[in-house]
Amino acid sequence: MANALTQFEYRLTVCPELSLGVFITIVPSQAHSFFGDATTAAEKLETLPYARPVETDRADGAVSLLLAHIVSTRCRGAIITDADMAVPDGWRSLNGKSTEVGHQETAGTVGLHSLAVLPRLQRCGIGQLIMKAFLDQMRNMGLVERVALICQEVSERLFRDCRVYSV
């Protein structure tokens, strides 16, 4: 089984249209105003060290900070399988062509692989916001029959609150 970083890289490369992020623009030197000091800001905004500049020559150094994301893939059937979540060996040389495992370009089921919100911002409605936006995106594509979830018990409330029943 591929590690998590490889799985994300694979999905973001092969099927980026099935991913969605919620970002804000923040000036790192001013982030401490939210948390007291710069060290605390970096600890509480876990994605801050990985944030990219908003504009190349922006004087204040503002970056685009990831608050939440959804990453998914197209699956063979209505139920997500281990094969659907697998990363094909040598996927970089396949140029996005479907194999026996992993993303299936013409499949009608989208398997939601990951929905994550920064811990500090959980229970603020961002999970519902991104989930509803993602379902709208899938509906508007017109090529998706259903979105299937890999769901841990801790996430059930979020999906119930979003009324995730059909696309």
Foldseek 3Di string as FASTA:
>chain_A
DDDPVVLVVLQCVQPVLLKDFDKDKDQLCCQCVVPPDSVRSCVQLVQVVVFDAPDDPDPSRITIGTFKMWTKAADADPDDDPQQSDDDVPNVVVNNDDDSGYHDVQHQEIETDDIDGRPVCPPVCVSLVVVLVSVVSSVVVVRHFFYHYDDDPVCPVSCVVNVRDTD
